[in-house]
Amino acid sequence: MGKKSEANNVELEIREEHDTDIKKRETWTNKIDFLLACIGFSVGLGNVWRFPYLCYKNGGGAFLIPYFLLVIIGGVPLFYLECAVGQFMGLSGFRAWAICPLFQGIGISSTIVVFFLNCYYNIILCWSFYYMFSSFALELPWAKCGKWWNTENCYDFDQAESPFVKNITNAPNFTKLLCSNESRTYISVYNISGMETNMTHVNESCIPKHLRLDSVQEFWENKVLNISNGIEPENMGEIKWDLALTLLFAWVVVYCCICKGIKSSGKVMYVTATSPYLFMAALLIRNSVLPGARDGVIFYLKPDLSKLGDMEVWVDAGTQIFFSYSIAIGALTALGSYNKFNHNSYRDCIIFACANSGTSFFAGFIIFTILGHMADKQGVDIADVAAGGPGLAFIAYPKAVSLMPGAPVWSILFFLMLILLGLDSQFVGVEGVISAIVDQWPNLLRRGYRKEIFIGIVCICNFFIGLSMVTRGGMYVFQLFDYYSGSKIILFIAFFECIAISWIYGVRRFYDNIEMMLGYRINPYMMIAWSFSSPIFCMAVFIMSVVNYSELDYKRPTKAKYLFPSWAVGVGWGMAAFAAVWIPLMIIYRFVKMGFSRETLNFLLKPQGLKNHQLRPQDRPAVREDITGNPATKYVVDNNPPPYHEKGGSANPGYQSEDGLNTKL
């Protein structure tokens, strides 16, 4: 009885979607649109600040070995798996995973993860807009000390004679203040001929080396963030309205990019996905001639092989691959679902992998050349030169542009590039949420301007959640979202994606489906990866991350390491659990609704809603026999299925057939 009711519900939804008042589901206008969308979405701010930061954190070049190894084992296979599922089903979110009803909760979990990601990812865009607007000045505000937000520890490294010498204010030219060590201060007086005549210990203090802060660092912490001492309610402080306005502006830009759907946003990506590379090349050329740049490159490329025995290095490499390849957050399934049924997404996957990992590697040179220069100026090791986390992009990069002739112009262009990198990632992420919900209730949301209104509501909700991250304690909220909702839990989701396709739907059957779409058999390595290496990779990294788990902290220069309170850690785990719980919860829900029986289990192990063009010839009799007498037999209406390909390709119809259920390719 439960199975019959389920089929009736699906049939009702299909009839409703064929209502003439419901808008058709969009597809990409040109073949290159999908590739640019994938590059634009996944190649973004994470490649600029997260990958170099993890190299910086894990000893430089040692991190590259596990990273590229795990790209082959898990990154590329899982990326293509999600794109292929979306393209084959022609749907996203919950409805796409009707290919394996038992694990249909994957669609809900991934949608929740990308919703959390959208909440905090746009904060980085907000910071980027803030820096770009601040660059419209004759002199960059972070270039020198002496501003109202600078402290007594601000030190102008560019004007110092050495890391240990600083002029006394208003003193004669032949008087110098010399820090002989990190705790005591001496004054040396020189005569006009340059000979030392006197040296006296004084109580006045020049800045000890271990307390010195660059003006860029202080602009970031004191002016942009006005950061407090923690996430506790008494430390959260007021909303910084300058950041709140830039956050609002960022969401308005995102809405304007996506409100008309993928056909308009796809055109935007022609600019946002390609133009940043030109500026990155110019920035690298400039950085390469700075003193200390060579040391930075050596630190980046020279592996500390002892680090390979550190479990955390492998965990960071695995989670970075998931982050930069945008795996298990639902957006790739959404992008693939807009492809035509016979689009060559396999080719695009290989090109994308080269572009994504190549950009991460390339961005590392830009970061480490300037870190090497900053370390050379400050007289410290590269590992100690800047704080970790997203602040790296807002400390190292602003420092780089401040050293260029015509610094304000370069700064404007740089942060415009950063905005372009982040924008396409952000609006594809929002599109992942929108498409999942619209596909679930098309009869409600594809009428008139309802979809545009719904997109606006989602953006407003994200904006109000983001306001908590533009308070004085906002950086700590940002770290909480990033650490718990956007990292380890996606490994858990990806594992069940592999199990659903390889071991329940059938990896050989899915390979046949891909051949139906592409017209040729893809490399058998993918079959091995989906069945064995990728799920093992997901679970191994997940287990290592649990074993190696350390509670969230935040490090700031010259400050003691801040440990997040237990209640904040509980909130973080609550967000992660809320995303993951839908996979087992939907299994329980289905059995409760349909009854605990073998018949129910068999029903949940078989794909639902497949139509003629999605069935292999050998599947056709079995499907008809299994559901004879059930309304679901209406999914199979033609004994002579149409060919898999037509000249010029065709739309991926999903549930969008115009001619009843006899969908033409």
Foldseek 3Di string as FASTA:
>chain_A
DLVLVVLVVVLVLLVLCLPPQFDADFFEPDLCLLLLLLLLQLQALCLQAVLLLLCLVLQAAQLVVLQVVVCVQAQLLLLVLLLLLLLLQLAFALSSLLQFLLQSLLSQLLLLLLLLVLLQLLLLLLVLVVLLVQLPDPARQLQADDDPLDDLQEDNLVPAPALFWDADPPDDPQWTKGDPAQPFTKTWGADPVGDTDDIGTDPDDRHGLQSHDYSLQSCVQCPQQVAFDADPPVGLADFPVSSLVSSVVSLVVLLVLDLVHSHRVSVLSVCLSPVLVVLLVVLLVLLCPAPQLVVLVCSNNPHPNVSVVPLVSSLSSLQSSCNSSVGSNTLSSVSSSSHFLQRPVSVSSVVSSCSRVVSSVSSSSSLSSQLRNQCRSSVHDSSQRFFGDSCSCSRSVLNSLSPDVVSSVSSSVNSVSNSSSSSSNSSSSLVSNLSNVCSVPSSPQRGDSNSSVVSVVSSVVSSVSSSSLRTSNNVNVSQLSCVQSRGLLSLVSSLVSLCLQPPQSHLVLSQVLSCLNHVDGDDCVSNVSSNPSNNCSSVVSNVSCVVPPDADWGDHRPDDIGGHDPVSSVVSNVSSCVSNVSSVVSSVVQCVSSHPDPLSVVSSSRNADAALLSDDLVVVVVVCVSQPPRPSNVRYDDNDQDGSADPPGDGSRSSNANPRNNRDD
